[in-house]
């Protein structure tokens, strides 16, 4: 499975961005697709996940009510709509896919996109 992430950029606090993650290859081999982020000097952290066959979702607490993960099944694409962005959302965002035992554990994901940088200025 190959993942291509896009949509990052430089925005001001309160603005919105939408990240996209296009999947190709053996997409039937994965159960979920998710987004992680890694800020400078910090560990990679879980952001959101969505089921590939059932559109169940989960979010980390810090983004609930601001971020929405969705999927376009026909185009094998997952989106992360990010609203009310804060400076602390600044990070490289990675999309991931796989069959993790725990969706918030990045070690459980087999496939990763290249990362897209989101910078939120105050």
N, C-alpha and C. Protein backbone atom coordinates (compact mmCIF):
# COMPACT_ATOMS: atom_id res chain seq x y z
N UNK A 1 0.85 -1.18 0.00
CA UNK A 1 0.00 0.00 0.00
C UNK A 1 0.89 1.24 0.00
N UNK A 2 0.60 2.14 -0.90
CA UNK A 2 1.33 3.41 -0.94
C UNK A 2 0.39 4.53 -0.53
N UNK A 3 0.90 5.44 0.28
CA UNK A 3 0.11 6.55 0.78
C UNK A 3 0.77 7.86 0.38
N UNK A 4 -0.03 8.77 -0.13
CA UNK A 4 0.45 10.08 -0.56
C UNK A 4 -0.34 11.15 0.19
N UNK A 5 0.34 11.83 1.09
CA UNK A 5 -0.30 12.89 1.88
C UNK A 5 -0.06 14.25 1.26
N UNK A 6 -1.03 15.13 1.43
CA UNK A 6 -0.89 16.49 0.91
C UNK A 6 -1.80 17.42 1.69
N UNK A 7 -1.61 18.72 1.51
CA UNK A 7 -2.52 19.69 2.08
C UNK A 7 -1.97 20.54 3.19
N UNK A 8 -0.75 20.29 3.62
CA UNK A 8 -0.19 21.09 4.70
C UNK A 8 0.13 22.50 4.24
N UNK A 9 0.46 23.34 5.20
CA UNK A 9 0.81 24.71 4.86
C UNK A 9 0.97 25.56 6.09
N UNK A 10 1.13 26.86 5.86
CA UNK A 10 1.29 27.84 6.93
C UNK A 10 -0.01 28.63 7.06
N UNK A 11 -0.60 28.59 8.24
CA UNK A 11 -1.85 29.30 8.48
C UNK A 11 -1.76 30.04 9.81
N UNK A 12 -2.74 30.89 10.05
CA UNK A 12 -2.81 31.60 11.32
C UNK A 12 -3.75 30.86 12.28
N UNK A 13 -3.58 31.12 13.55
CA UNK A 13 -4.46 30.51 14.56
C UNK A 13 -5.91 30.84 14.23
N UNK A 14 -6.76 29.82 14.33
CA UNK A 14 -8.17 29.99 14.02
C UNK A 14 -8.54 29.60 12.61
N UNK A 15 -7.54 29.47 11.75
CA UNK A 15 -7.79 29.09 10.35
C UNK A 15 -8.07 27.60 10.22
N UNK A 16 -8.36 27.19 8.99
CA UNK A 16 -8.65 25.78 8.70
C UNK A 16 -7.72 25.27 7.60
N UNK A 17 -7.52 23.97 7.62
CA UNK A 17 -6.79 23.27 6.57
C UNK A 17 -7.42 21.91 6.38
N UNK A 18 -7.30 21.37 5.18
CA UNK A 18 -7.74 20.00 4.95
C UNK A 18 -6.58 19.20 4.38
N UNK A 19 -6.24 18.15 5.09
CA UNK A 19 -5.21 17.24 4.62
C UNK A 19 -5.87 16.08 3.86
N UNK A 20 -5.15 15.60 2.86
CA UNK A 20 -5.62 14.45 2.08
C UNK A 20 -4.58 13.35 2.11
N UNK A 21 -5.06 12.13 2.05
CA UNK A 21 -4.16 10.97 1.99
C UNK A 21 -4.74 10.00 0.97
N UNK A 22 -4.07 9.91 -0.16
CA UNK A 22 -4.52 9.02 -1.23
C UNK A 22 -3.81 7.69 -1.12
N UNK A 23 -4.56 6.62 -1.09
CA UNK A 23 -4.00 5.28 -0.97
C UNK A 23 -4.07 4.55 -2.30
N UNK A 24 -3.06 3.76 -2.56
CA UNK A 24 -3.04 2.93 -3.77
C UNK A 24 -2.40 1.59 -3.42
N UNK A 25 -2.57 0.65 -4.32
CA UNK A 25 -2.02 -0.67 -4.07
C UNK A 25 -3.04 -1.57 -3.40
N UNK A 26 -2.59 -2.45 -2.53
CA UNK A 26 -3.44 -3.45 -1.90
C UNK A 26 -4.21 -2.85 -0.72
N UNK A 27 -5.11 -1.95 -1.03
CA UNK A 27 -5.83 -1.25 0.03
C UNK A 27 -6.78 -2.16 0.79
N UNK A 28 -7.15 -3.28 0.21
CA UNK A 28 -8.01 -4.21 0.92
C UNK A 28 -7.29 -4.90 2.07
N UNK A 29 -5.98 -4.75 2.12
CA UNK A 29 -5.20 -5.41 3.17
C UNK A 29 -5.16 -4.61 4.47
N UNK A 30 -5.79 -3.44 4.47
CA UNK A 30 -5.77 -2.63 5.70
C UNK A 30 -7.17 -2.51 6.26
N UNK A 31 -7.24 -2.31 7.57
CA UNK A 31 -8.53 -2.16 8.25
C UNK A 31 -8.85 -0.71 8.57
N UNK A 32 -7.82 0.06 8.85
CA UNK A 32 -8.03 1.45 9.23
C UNK A 32 -7.00 2.34 8.55
N UNK A 33 -7.36 3.60 8.44
CA UNK A 33 -6.42 4.65 8.02
C UNK A 33 -6.48 5.75 9.06
N UNK A 34 -5.32 6.28 9.37
CA UNK A 34 -5.29 7.28 10.43
C UNK A 34 -4.30 8.38 10.16
N UNK A 35 -4.33 9.36 11.04
CA UNK A 35 -3.39 10.47 11.00
C UNK A 35 -2.63 10.54 12.32
N UNK A 36 -1.36 10.71 12.21
CA UNK A 36 -0.49 10.96 13.34
C UNK A 36 0.22 12.28 13.09
N UNK A 37 0.80 12.83 14.12
CA UNK A 37 1.59 14.05 13.96
C UNK A 37 2.80 14.01 14.87
N UNK A 38 3.81 14.72 14.44
CA UNK A 38 5.03 14.78 15.23
C UNK A 38 5.55 16.20 15.22
N UNK A 39 5.53 16.81 16.38
CA UNK A 39 6.08 18.15 16.53
C UNK A 39 7.58 18.05 16.77
N UNK A 40 8.26 19.14 16.54
CA UNK A 40 9.72 19.16 16.68
C UNK A 40 10.11 18.79 18.11
N UNK A 41 10.95 17.77 18.22
CA UNK A 41 11.43 17.36 19.53
C UNK A 41 10.48 16.50 20.33
N UNK A 42 9.36 16.13 19.73
CA UNK A 42 8.38 15.33 20.45
C UNK A 42 8.15 14.00 19.74
N UNK A 43 7.53 13.09 20.45
CA UNK A 43 7.21 11.79 19.86
C UNK A 43 6.01 11.92 18.94
N UNK A 44 5.93 10.97 18.02
CA UNK A 44 4.77 10.92 17.13
C UNK A 44 3.53 10.57 17.94
N UNK A 45 2.45 11.30 17.70
CA UNK A 45 1.24 11.07 18.47
C UNK A 45 0.04 10.85 17.56
N UNK A 46 -0.88 10.07 18.07
CA UNK A 46 -2.11 9.76 17.36
C UNK A 46 -3.00 10.99 17.27
N UNK A 47 -3.64 11.17 16.12
CA UNK A 47 -4.57 12.28 15.94
C UNK A 47 -6.00 11.76 15.71
N UNK A 48 -6.15 10.92 14.68
CA UNK A 48 -7.50 10.44 14.33
C UNK A 48 -7.38 9.18 13.49
N UNK A 49 -8.45 8.39 13.49
CA UNK A 49 -8.47 7.16 12.72
C UNK A 49 -9.88 6.91 12.21
N UNK A 50 -9.97 6.24 11.06
CA UNK A 50 -11.26 5.88 10.50
C UNK A 50 -11.19 4.47 9.93
N UNK A 51 -12.26 3.72 10.08
CA UNK A 51 -12.31 2.39 9.53
C UNK A 51 -12.43 2.43 8.02
N UNK A 52 -11.83 1.46 7.37
CA UNK A 52 -11.87 1.41 5.92
C UNK A 52 -13.21 0.88 5.43
N UNK A 53 -13.73 -0.13 6.11
CA UNK A 53 -15.00 -0.72 5.69
C UNK A 53 -16.17 -0.13 6.44
N UNK A 54 -16.02 0.11 7.70
CA UNK A 54 -17.02 0.82 8.48
C UNK A 54 -16.42 2.15 8.88
N UNK A 55 -17.17 3.20 8.70
CA UNK A 55 -16.61 4.55 8.91
C UNK A 55 -16.63 4.96 10.37
N UNK A 56 -16.23 4.04 11.25
CA UNK A 56 -16.12 4.42 12.65
C UNK A 56 -14.88 5.27 12.83
N UNK A 57 -14.94 6.23 13.72
CA UNK A 57 -13.85 7.17 13.89
C UNK A 57 -13.45 7.29 15.36
N UNK A 58 -12.24 7.76 15.56
CA UNK A 58 -11.75 8.04 16.90
C UNK A 58 -10.76 9.17 16.81
N UNK A 59 -10.71 10.00 17.87
CA UNK A 59 -9.85 11.17 17.89
C UNK A 59 -9.11 11.26 19.21
N UNK A 60 -7.96 11.87 19.16
CA UNK A 60 -7.33 12.22 20.40
C UNK A 60 -8.08 13.39 21.02
N UNK A 61 -8.05 13.49 22.34
CA UNK A 61 -8.87 14.47 23.03
C UNK A 61 -8.59 15.91 22.59
N UNK A 62 -7.35 16.21 22.29
CA UNK A 62 -6.98 17.61 22.01
C UNK A 62 -7.56 18.13 20.70
N UNK A 63 -8.06 17.24 19.83
CA UNK A 63 -8.59 17.70 18.55
C UNK A 63 -10.09 17.47 18.42
N UNK A 64 -10.69 16.83 19.41
CA UNK A 64 -12.13 16.57 19.34
C UNK A 64 -12.91 17.87 19.22
N UNK A 65 -13.88 17.88 18.31
CA UNK A 65 -14.66 19.08 18.09
C UNK A 65 -14.03 20.07 17.12
N UNK A 66 -12.77 19.86 16.78
CA UNK A 66 -12.08 20.75 15.82
C UNK A 66 -11.69 20.03 14.54
N UNK A 67 -11.29 18.78 14.65
CA UNK A 67 -10.84 18.00 13.50
C UNK A 67 -11.89 16.96 13.14
N UNK A 68 -12.01 16.68 11.85
CA UNK A 68 -12.92 15.65 11.37
C UNK A 68 -12.20 14.79 10.35
N UNK A 69 -12.20 13.49 10.58
CA UNK A 69 -11.63 12.56 9.62
C UNK A 69 -12.76 11.96 8.81
N UNK A 70 -12.54 11.82 7.51
CA UNK A 70 -13.55 11.25 6.64
C UNK A 70 -12.86 10.48 5.53
N UNK A 71 -13.66 9.73 4.77
CA UNK A 71 -13.05 8.95 3.70
C UNK A 71 -13.90 8.99 2.45
N UNK A 72 -13.26 8.88 1.31
CA UNK A 72 -13.90 8.76 0.01
C UNK A 72 -13.54 7.37 -0.50
N UNK A 73 -14.47 6.45 -0.34
CA UNK A 73 -14.19 5.06 -0.66
C UNK A 73 -13.85 4.89 -2.14
N UNK A 74 -14.58 5.56 -2.99
CA UNK A 74 -14.38 5.40 -4.44
C UNK A 74 -12.97 5.79 -4.87
N UNK A 75 -12.42 6.78 -4.19
CA UNK A 75 -11.09 7.28 -4.56
C UNK A 75 -9.99 6.86 -3.60
N UNK A 76 -10.32 5.98 -2.65
CA UNK A 76 -9.32 5.49 -1.69
C UNK A 76 -8.57 6.65 -1.02
N UNK A 77 -9.32 7.64 -0.61
CA UNK A 77 -8.71 8.83 -0.03
C UNK A 77 -9.32 9.12 1.33
N UNK A 78 -8.47 9.48 2.26
CA UNK A 78 -8.90 9.88 3.59
C UNK A 78 -8.55 11.35 3.79
N UNK A 79 -9.43 12.07 4.43
CA UNK A 79 -9.24 13.50 4.66
C UNK A 79 -9.19 13.79 6.15
N UNK A 80 -8.49 14.84 6.48
CA UNK A 80 -8.51 15.36 7.85
C UNK A 80 -8.82 16.85 7.75
N UNK A 81 -10.05 17.19 8.07
CA UNK A 81 -10.46 18.59 8.10
C UNK A 81 -10.09 19.16 9.46
N UNK A 82 -9.27 20.19 9.45
CA UNK A 82 -8.78 20.78 10.69
C UNK A 82 -9.29 22.21 10.78
N UNK A 83 -10.14 22.45 11.76
CA UNK A 83 -10.69 23.79 11.99
C UNK A 83 -10.17 24.36 13.29
N UNK A 84 -10.31 25.64 13.44
CA UNK A 84 -9.89 26.33 14.67
C UNK A 84 -8.47 25.91 15.07
N UNK A 85 -7.58 25.98 14.13
CA UNK A 85 -6.22 25.53 14.38
C UNK A 85 -5.53 26.39 15.43
N UNK A 86 -4.68 25.74 16.20
CA UNK A 86 -3.94 26.38 17.28
C UNK A 86 -2.45 26.22 17.02
N UNK A 87 -1.64 27.10 17.58
CA UNK A 87 -0.19 26.94 17.41
C UNK A 87 0.31 25.57 17.84
N UNK A 88 -0.31 24.99 18.85
CA UNK A 88 0.13 23.67 19.32
C UNK A 88 -0.22 22.54 18.35
N UNK A 89 -0.96 22.84 17.31
CA UNK A 89 -1.22 21.85 16.26
C UNK A 89 -0.06 21.79 15.25
N UNK A 90 0.89 22.68 15.38
CA UNK A 90 2.03 22.69 14.47
C UNK A 90 2.81 21.40 14.57
N UNK A 91 2.97 20.73 13.44
CA UNK A 91 3.65 19.44 13.41
C UNK A 91 3.73 18.94 11.97
N UNK A 92 4.50 17.91 11.78
CA UNK A 92 4.43 17.15 10.54
C UNK A 92 3.33 16.10 10.72
N UNK A 93 2.40 16.10 9.80
CA UNK A 93 1.28 15.17 9.87
C UNK A 93 1.53 14.01 8.91
N UNK A 94 1.34 12.81 9.43
CA UNK A 94 1.55 11.60 8.65
C UNK A 94 0.24 10.82 8.55
N UNK A 95 -0.05 10.32 7.37
CA UNK A 95 -1.15 9.38 7.28
C UNK A 95 -0.58 7.97 7.35
N UNK A 96 -1.38 7.07 7.86
CA UNK A 96 -0.93 5.70 8.08
C UNK A 96 -2.09 4.75 7.81
N UNK A 97 -1.74 3.53 7.52
CA UNK A 97 -2.75 2.51 7.26
C UNK A 97 -2.25 1.16 7.77
N UNK A 98 -3.19 0.31 8.17
CA UNK A 98 -2.78 -1.00 8.63
C UNK A 98 -3.87 -1.72 9.37
N UNK A 99 -3.43 -2.68 10.18
CA UNK A 99 -4.34 -3.47 11.02
C UNK A 99 -3.82 -3.44 12.45
N UNK A 100 -3.82 -2.27 13.06
CA UNK A 100 -3.27 -2.16 14.41
C UNK A 100 -4.17 -2.82 15.44
N UNK A 101 -3.56 -3.37 16.47
CA UNK A 101 -4.34 -3.89 17.59
C UNK A 101 -4.94 -2.74 18.39
N UNK A 102 -4.18 -1.69 18.51
CA UNK A 102 -4.64 -0.48 19.19
C UNK A 102 -4.47 0.67 18.21
N UNK A 103 -5.53 1.32 17.83
CA UNK A 103 -5.46 2.30 16.75
C UNK A 103 -4.60 3.50 17.09
N UNK A 104 -4.37 3.75 18.37
CA UNK A 104 -3.59 4.92 18.75
C UNK A 104 -2.09 4.62 18.84
N UNK A 105 -1.70 3.38 18.63
CA UNK A 105 -0.30 2.99 18.72
C UNK A 105 0.31 2.97 17.33
N UNK A 106 1.25 3.89 17.07
CA UNK A 106 1.78 3.99 15.73
C UNK A 106 2.58 2.75 15.31
N UNK A 107 3.03 1.98 16.28
CA UNK A 107 3.78 0.77 15.94
C UNK A 107 2.91 -0.28 15.23
N UNK A 108 1.61 -0.14 15.33
CA UNK A 108 0.72 -1.11 14.72
C UNK A 108 0.38 -0.84 13.27
N UNK A 109 0.88 0.25 12.72
CA UNK A 109 0.57 0.61 11.34
C UNK A 109 1.71 0.19 10.42
N UNK A 110 1.35 -0.47 9.34
CA UNK A 110 2.36 -1.02 8.43
C UNK A 110 2.76 -0.05 7.33
N UNK A 111 1.89 0.87 7.01
CA UNK A 111 2.12 1.74 5.86
C UNK A 111 2.03 3.21 6.28
N UNK A 112 2.96 4.00 5.73
CA UNK A 112 3.05 5.41 6.10
C UNK A 112 3.25 6.28 4.87
N UNK A 113 2.60 7.45 4.91
CA UNK A 113 2.85 8.45 3.90
C UNK A 113 4.10 9.24 4.25
N UNK A 114 4.44 10.19 3.41
CA UNK A 114 5.70 10.92 3.55
C UNK A 114 5.64 12.06 4.55
N UNK A 115 4.46 12.44 5.01
CA UNK A 115 4.36 13.55 5.95
C UNK A 115 4.13 14.87 5.24
N UNK A 116 3.30 15.69 5.87
CA UNK A 116 3.05 17.03 5.34
C UNK A 116 3.07 18.00 6.52
N UNK A 117 3.77 19.13 6.34
CA UNK A 117 4.00 20.05 7.44
C UNK A 117 2.84 21.03 7.59
N UNK A 118 2.35 21.13 8.81
CA UNK A 118 1.33 22.11 9.17
C UNK A 118 1.95 23.07 10.18
N UNK A 119 1.94 24.34 9.85
CA UNK A 119 2.48 25.35 10.74
C UNK A 119 1.39 26.36 11.05
N UNK A 120 1.11 26.54 12.34
CA UNK A 120 0.06 27.46 12.76
C UNK A 120 0.72 28.60 13.54
N UNK A 121 0.63 29.79 13.03
CA UNK A 121 1.23 30.94 13.70
C UNK A 121 0.21 31.60 14.62
N UNK A 122 0.71 32.20 15.68
CA UNK A 122 -0.19 32.84 16.66
C UNK A 122 -0.49 34.27 16.29
